[in-house]
Amino acid sequence: MENQPENQFYHDGVVTVTQSRFVTQSKTYAMRNISSVHIFEIQKSRVGPIIMILLGFPFLFSGEIFWMGLIIIALAILWLFYIKNEYAVRISTNSGEANSILSKDRVYIQKIVDALNDAIIYRG
């Protein structure tokens, strides 16, 4: 019997999606066990920088340490801009749901999800 090459739907240095398997750096999933896949957004907490802003605000009304308040608030605003939500490839199997790949790049995660959906459809 001749071995047929697997259809490859996606491949990069970390992830491979074929008609029969989904391979990450740490785990391999059989496509036959994956019932659905979607993007899951992990919201990052912004409590720390908001508390810093609130703590820096009273300094603005102090004559001598006014600059300290500005510095604290500026650092907190910078921190807010650097906080990015993470996105995960969430797969559903007969044993539950799992996040398999995490990234701050939604487009990257979307490519993997699209490839997994194509592989599920291909398998029928």
N, C-alpha and C. Protein backbone atom coordinates (compact mmCIF):
# COMPACT_ATOMS: atom_id res chain seq x y z
N MET A 1 0.84 -1.18 0.00
CA MET A 1 0.00 0.00 0.00
C MET A 1 0.89 1.24 0.00
N GLU A 2 0.58 2.18 -0.83
CA GLU A 2 1.38 3.39 -1.01
C GLU A 2 0.94 4.46 -0.01
N ASN A 3 1.91 5.10 0.63
CA ASN A 3 1.60 6.19 1.56
C ASN A 3 1.28 7.45 0.80
N GLN A 4 0.12 8.02 1.10
CA GLN A 4 -0.30 9.28 0.50
C GLN A 4 0.29 10.42 1.34
N PRO A 5 0.81 11.46 0.71
CA PRO A 5 1.30 12.60 1.50
C PRO A 5 0.11 13.32 2.14
N GLU A 6 0.36 13.82 3.35
CA GLU A 6 -0.70 14.54 4.06
C GLU A 6 -0.87 15.93 3.47
N ASN A 7 -2.11 16.38 3.40
CA ASN A 7 -2.36 17.77 3.00
C ASN A 7 -1.96 18.67 4.17
N GLN A 8 -1.14 19.65 3.87
CA GLN A 8 -0.69 20.58 4.90
C GLN A 8 -1.44 21.90 4.72
N PHE A 9 -2.14 22.32 5.78
CA PHE A 9 -2.95 23.54 5.72
C PHE A 9 -2.21 24.76 6.26
N TYR A 10 -1.24 24.51 7.15
CA TYR A 10 -0.47 25.62 7.72
C TYR A 10 0.83 25.05 8.27
N HIS A 11 1.90 25.84 8.15
CA HIS A 11 3.18 25.45 8.74
C HIS A 11 4.02 26.69 8.98
N ASP A 12 4.57 26.79 10.18
CA ASP A 12 5.61 27.76 10.48
C ASP A 12 6.59 27.07 11.43
N GLY A 13 7.47 27.77 12.04
CA GLY A 13 8.46 27.13 12.90
C GLY A 13 7.90 26.53 14.18
N VAL A 14 6.68 26.89 14.54
CA VAL A 14 6.09 26.47 15.81
C VAL A 14 4.90 25.54 15.61
N VAL A 15 4.12 25.78 14.58
CA VAL A 15 2.84 25.10 14.39
C VAL A 15 2.78 24.43 13.03
N THR A 16 2.19 23.23 13.01
CA THR A 16 1.88 22.55 11.75
C THR A 16 0.45 22.03 11.84
N VAL A 17 -0.33 22.30 10.79
CA VAL A 17 -1.69 21.79 10.70
C VAL A 17 -1.79 20.96 9.43
N THR A 18 -2.11 19.68 9.59
CA THR A 18 -2.32 18.81 8.44
C THR A 18 -3.73 18.23 8.53
N GLN A 19 -4.07 17.39 7.58
CA GLN A 19 -5.41 16.80 7.57
C GLN A 19 -5.65 15.87 8.76
N SER A 20 -4.58 15.35 9.36
CA SER A 20 -4.77 14.39 10.44
C SER A 20 -4.22 14.83 11.80
N ARG A 21 -3.43 15.91 11.84
CA ARG A 21 -2.88 16.31 13.13
C ARG A 21 -2.62 17.81 13.21
N PHE A 22 -2.58 18.27 14.45
CA PHE A 22 -2.27 19.65 14.79
C PHE A 22 -1.09 19.58 15.76
N VAL A 23 0.07 20.06 15.31
CA VAL A 23 1.31 19.92 16.07
C VAL A 23 1.77 21.29 16.55
N THR A 24 2.00 21.42 17.87
CA THR A 24 2.59 22.62 18.45
C THR A 24 3.95 22.22 19.02
N GLN A 25 4.64 23.16 19.63
CA GLN A 25 5.94 22.83 20.21
C GLN A 25 5.83 21.80 21.32
N SER A 26 4.75 21.84 22.07
CA SER A 26 4.66 20.99 23.24
C SER A 26 3.66 19.84 23.12
N LYS A 27 2.80 19.86 22.11
CA LYS A 27 1.73 18.87 22.07
C LYS A 27 1.31 18.57 20.64
N THR A 28 0.82 17.37 20.43
CA THR A 28 0.24 16.98 19.15
C THR A 28 -1.19 16.53 19.39
N TYR A 29 -2.11 17.06 18.59
CA TYR A 29 -3.52 16.71 18.67
C TYR A 29 -3.92 15.97 17.40
N ALA A 30 -4.72 14.92 17.55
CA ALA A 30 -5.28 14.25 16.39
C ALA A 30 -6.49 15.05 15.92
N MET A 31 -6.55 15.35 14.64
CA MET A 31 -7.66 16.16 14.11
C MET A 31 -9.00 15.48 14.34
N ARG A 32 -9.02 14.15 14.35
CA ARG A 32 -10.29 13.43 14.53
C ARG A 32 -10.88 13.69 15.92
N ASN A 33 -10.03 14.13 16.89
CA ASN A 33 -10.52 14.40 18.24
C ASN A 33 -10.93 15.85 18.44
N ILE A 34 -10.64 16.72 17.49
CA ILE A 34 -10.98 18.13 17.62
C ILE A 34 -12.36 18.35 17.01
N SER A 35 -13.29 18.82 17.84
CA SER A 35 -14.66 19.04 17.34
C SER A 35 -14.88 20.47 16.89
N SER A 36 -14.19 21.44 17.51
CA SER A 36 -14.32 22.84 17.08
C SER A 36 -13.09 23.62 17.53
N VAL A 37 -12.94 24.79 16.92
CA VAL A 37 -11.79 25.64 17.23
C VAL A 37 -12.23 27.10 17.06
N HIS A 38 -11.72 27.97 17.92
CA HIS A 38 -12.02 29.40 17.80
C HIS A 38 -10.94 30.21 18.51
N ILE A 39 -10.99 31.52 18.28
CA ILE A 39 -10.07 32.44 18.96
C ILE A 39 -10.66 32.79 20.32
N PHE A 40 -9.80 32.75 21.33
CA PHE A 40 -10.20 33.14 22.67
C PHE A 40 -9.33 34.32 23.10
N GLU A 41 -9.94 35.41 23.50
CA GLU A 41 -9.19 36.60 23.92
C GLU A 41 -9.01 36.60 25.43
N ILE A 42 -7.77 36.74 25.86
CA ILE A 42 -7.44 36.79 27.29
C ILE A 42 -7.21 38.25 27.66
N GLN A 43 -8.12 38.79 28.44
CA GLN A 43 -8.05 40.19 28.84
C GLN A 43 -6.98 40.37 29.92
N LYS A 44 -6.08 41.29 29.72
CA LYS A 44 -5.04 41.60 30.70
C LYS A 44 -5.55 42.66 31.67
N SER A 45 -5.19 42.53 32.92
CA SER A 45 -5.62 43.46 33.95
C SER A 45 -4.94 44.82 33.78
N ARG A 46 -5.71 45.86 33.96
CA ARG A 46 -5.19 47.23 33.89
C ARG A 46 -5.30 47.93 35.25
N VAL A 47 -5.48 47.13 36.30
CA VAL A 47 -5.66 47.67 37.64
C VAL A 47 -4.41 48.38 38.14
N GLY A 48 -3.23 47.80 37.91
CA GLY A 48 -1.97 48.39 38.38
C GLY A 48 -1.76 49.81 37.90
N PRO A 49 -1.80 50.05 36.57
CA PRO A 49 -1.59 51.42 36.10
C PRO A 49 -2.69 52.39 36.53
N ILE A 50 -3.91 51.90 36.66
CA ILE A 50 -5.00 52.78 37.11
C ILE A 50 -4.76 53.20 38.56
N ILE A 51 -4.30 52.27 39.39
CA ILE A 51 -3.98 52.62 40.78
C ILE A 51 -2.83 53.63 40.82
N MET A 52 -1.83 53.43 39.94
CA MET A 52 -0.71 54.40 39.90
C MET A 52 -1.21 55.80 39.54
N ILE A 53 -2.12 55.88 38.58
CA ILE A 53 -2.67 57.19 38.19
C ILE A 53 -3.39 57.82 39.38
N LEU A 54 -4.20 57.02 40.07
CA LEU A 54 -4.93 57.55 41.23
C LEU A 54 -3.98 57.98 42.35
N LEU A 55 -2.88 57.24 42.52
CA LEU A 55 -1.91 57.62 43.55
C LEU A 55 -1.12 58.86 43.15
N GLY A 56 -0.87 59.03 41.86
CA GLY A 56 -0.11 60.19 41.39
C GLY A 56 -0.93 61.47 41.34
N PHE A 57 -2.24 61.34 41.25
CA PHE A 57 -3.11 62.51 41.10
C PHE A 57 -3.01 63.50 42.26
N PRO A 58 -3.00 63.07 43.53
CA PRO A 58 -2.89 64.04 44.63
C PRO A 58 -1.57 64.84 44.62
N PHE A 59 -0.50 64.24 44.07
CA PHE A 59 0.77 64.94 44.00
C PHE A 59 0.69 66.19 43.11
N LEU A 60 -0.24 66.17 42.16
CA LEU A 60 -0.38 67.31 41.25
C LEU A 60 -0.80 68.59 41.99
N PHE A 61 -1.41 68.42 43.15
CA PHE A 61 -1.89 69.57 43.90
C PHE A 61 -0.91 69.99 45.00
N SER A 62 0.21 69.32 45.08
CA SER A 62 1.26 69.69 46.04
C SER A 62 2.28 70.54 45.29
N GLY A 63 2.58 71.66 45.82
CA GLY A 63 3.47 72.59 45.14
C GLY A 63 4.87 72.04 44.88
N GLU A 64 5.49 71.47 45.90
CA GLU A 64 6.89 71.08 45.79
C GLU A 64 7.09 69.73 45.10
N ILE A 65 6.13 68.83 45.21
CA ILE A 65 6.30 67.50 44.61
C ILE A 65 5.35 67.29 43.41
N PHE A 66 4.98 68.40 42.81
CA PHE A 66 4.13 68.36 41.62
C PHE A 66 4.74 67.47 40.54
N TRP A 67 6.06 67.59 40.34
CA TRP A 67 6.74 66.81 39.28
C TRP A 67 6.69 65.31 39.53
N MET A 68 6.71 64.93 40.80
CA MET A 68 6.63 63.50 41.12
C MET A 68 5.29 62.93 40.65
N GLY A 69 4.23 63.69 40.85
CA GLY A 69 2.91 63.27 40.38
C GLY A 69 2.87 63.11 38.87
N LEU A 70 3.49 64.08 38.16
CA LEU A 70 3.54 63.98 36.70
C LEU A 70 4.30 62.75 36.23
N ILE A 71 5.41 62.48 36.91
CA ILE A 71 6.22 61.31 36.53
C ILE A 71 5.45 60.01 36.79
N ILE A 72 4.80 59.92 37.94
CA ILE A 72 4.03 58.71 38.26
C ILE A 72 2.91 58.51 37.25
N ILE A 73 2.19 59.58 36.93
CA ILE A 73 1.08 59.47 35.98
C ILE A 73 1.59 59.14 34.58
N ALA A 74 2.69 59.75 34.17
CA ALA A 74 3.26 59.46 32.85
C ALA A 74 3.68 57.99 32.74
N LEU A 75 4.34 57.47 33.77
CA LEU A 75 4.74 56.06 33.77
C LEU A 75 3.52 55.14 33.72
N ALA A 76 2.48 55.49 34.45
CA ALA A 76 1.27 54.67 34.46
C ALA A 76 0.60 54.67 33.08
N ILE A 77 0.59 55.82 32.42
CA ILE A 77 -0.01 55.90 31.08
C ILE A 77 0.81 55.08 30.09
N LEU A 78 2.14 55.15 30.19
CA LEU A 78 2.99 54.31 29.34
C LEU A 78 2.70 52.83 29.57
N TRP A 79 2.58 52.46 30.84
CA TRP A 79 2.28 51.07 31.19
C TRP A 79 0.96 50.64 30.57
N LEU A 80 -0.05 51.52 30.62
CA LEU A 80 -1.36 51.21 30.02
C LEU A 80 -1.23 50.92 28.52
N PHE A 81 -0.40 51.71 27.83
CA PHE A 81 -0.25 51.52 26.39
C PHE A 81 0.48 50.22 26.05
N TYR A 82 1.33 49.74 26.95
CA TYR A 82 2.09 48.52 26.68
C TYR A 82 1.35 47.23 27.06
N ILE A 83 0.25 47.35 27.78
CA ILE A 83 -0.53 46.17 28.13
C ILE A 83 -1.32 45.75 26.90
N LYS A 84 -1.08 44.54 26.46
CA LYS A 84 -1.78 44.00 25.29
C LYS A 84 -2.51 42.72 25.70
N ASN A 85 -3.72 42.57 25.21
CA ASN A 85 -4.44 41.33 25.44
C ASN A 85 -3.77 40.21 24.68
N GLU A 86 -3.91 39.00 25.16
CA GLU A 86 -3.38 37.83 24.46
C GLU A 86 -4.53 37.09 23.80
N TYR A 87 -4.19 36.39 22.74
CA TYR A 87 -5.16 35.59 22.00
C TYR A 87 -4.71 34.15 22.01
N ALA A 88 -5.67 33.24 22.08
CA ALA A 88 -5.35 31.82 22.13
C ALA A 88 -6.14 31.07 21.07
N VAL A 89 -5.53 30.01 20.57
CA VAL A 89 -6.26 29.04 19.75
C VAL A 89 -6.93 28.11 20.75
N ARG A 90 -8.25 28.18 20.85
CA ARG A 90 -8.98 27.34 21.80
C ARG A 90 -9.62 26.20 21.02
N ILE A 91 -9.22 25.00 21.39
CA ILE A 91 -9.79 23.83 20.71
C ILE A 91 -10.71 23.09 21.67
N SER A 92 -11.77 22.54 21.11
CA SER A 92 -12.70 21.71 21.87
C SER A 92 -12.52 20.27 21.44
N THR A 93 -12.32 19.42 22.43
CA THR A 93 -12.20 17.98 22.17
C THR A 93 -13.22 17.27 23.05
N ASN A 94 -13.26 15.95 22.94
CA ASN A 94 -14.19 15.19 23.78
C ASN A 94 -13.81 15.27 25.26
N SER A 95 -12.60 15.70 25.58
CA SER A 95 -12.18 15.83 26.98
C SER A 95 -12.26 17.26 27.50
N GLY A 96 -12.78 18.18 26.70
CA GLY A 96 -12.95 19.56 27.16
C GLY A 96 -12.28 20.56 26.23
N GLU A 97 -12.15 21.80 26.72
CA GLU A 97 -11.53 22.86 25.95
C GLU A 97 -10.12 23.13 26.46
N ALA A 98 -9.24 23.54 25.51
CA ALA A 98 -7.86 23.84 25.89
C ALA A 98 -7.34 24.96 25.01
N ASN A 99 -6.51 25.83 25.60
CA ASN A 99 -5.80 26.85 24.84
C ASN A 99 -4.48 26.22 24.39
N SER A 100 -4.27 26.15 23.07
CA SER A 100 -3.07 25.45 22.60
C SER A 100 -1.93 26.39 22.21
N ILE A 101 -2.22 27.54 21.64
CA ILE A 101 -1.20 28.50 21.24
C ILE A 101 -1.61 29.87 21.79
N LEU A 102 -0.67 30.58 22.39
CA LEU A 102 -0.92 31.93 22.88
C LEU A 102 -0.05 32.92 22.13
N SER A 103 -0.63 34.09 21.81
CA SER A 103 0.13 35.13 21.15
C SER A 103 -0.59 36.46 21.34
N LYS A 104 0.17 37.54 21.27
CA LYS A 104 -0.43 38.87 21.29
C LYS A 104 -0.83 39.31 19.89
N ASP A 105 -0.47 38.52 18.90
CA ASP A 105 -0.76 38.82 17.50
C ASP A 105 -2.04 38.09 17.06
N ARG A 106 -3.13 38.84 16.98
CA ARG A 106 -4.43 38.24 16.63
C ARG A 106 -4.40 37.66 15.22
N VAL A 107 -3.71 38.32 14.29
CA VAL A 107 -3.67 37.85 12.90
C VAL A 107 -3.00 36.47 12.82
N TYR A 108 -1.93 36.28 13.57
CA TYR A 108 -1.24 34.99 13.60
C TYR A 108 -2.18 33.89 14.11
N ILE A 109 -2.87 34.17 15.21
CA ILE A 109 -3.80 33.20 15.78
C ILE A 109 -4.93 32.92 14.80
N GLN A 110 -5.41 33.95 14.11
CA GLN A 110 -6.50 33.77 13.14
C GLN A 110 -6.07 32.84 12.01
N LYS A 111 -4.83 32.96 11.54
CA LYS A 111 -4.32 32.08 10.48
C LYS A 111 -4.35 30.62 10.92
N ILE A 112 -3.95 30.37 12.17
CA ILE A 112 -3.95 29.00 12.69
C ILE A 112 -5.38 28.48 12.82
N VAL A 113 -6.28 29.31 13.34
CA VAL A 113 -7.69 28.91 13.49
C VAL A 113 -8.30 28.61 12.12
N ASP A 114 -8.01 29.45 11.12
CA ASP A 114 -8.52 29.21 9.77
C ASP A 114 -8.01 27.89 9.21
N ALA A 115 -6.72 27.62 9.43
CA ALA A 115 -6.14 26.35 8.94
C ALA A 115 -6.77 25.16 9.64
N LEU A 116 -6.99 25.27 10.94
CA LEU A 116 -7.63 24.18 11.67
C LEU A 116 -9.06 23.96 11.19
N ASN A 117 -9.79 25.05 10.95
CA ASN A 117 -11.15 24.90 10.41
C ASN A 117 -11.13 24.25 9.03
N ASP A 118 -10.18 24.63 8.19
CA ASP A 118 -10.06 24.01 6.88
C ASP A 118 -9.77 22.52 7.01
N ALA A 119 -8.91 22.14 7.95
CA ALA A 119 -8.57 20.73 8.15
C ALA A 119 -9.78 19.94 8.67
N ILE A 120 -10.57 20.56 9.56
CA ILE A 120 -11.78 19.90 10.07
C ILE A 120 -12.76 19.68 8.93
N ILE A 121 -12.95 20.69 8.10
CA ILE A 121 -13.87 20.56 6.97
C ILE A 121 -13.35 19.52 5.98
N TYR A 122 -12.05 19.49 5.74
CA TYR A 122 -11.47 18.54 4.82
C TYR A 122 -11.71 17.09 5.27
N ARG A 123 -11.58 16.88 6.59
CA ARG A 123 -11.79 15.53 7.13
C ARG A 123 -13.24 15.10 7.03
N GLY A 124 -14.14 16.09 7.04
CA GLY A 124 -15.57 15.78 6.87
C GLY A 124 -16.28 15.49 8.11
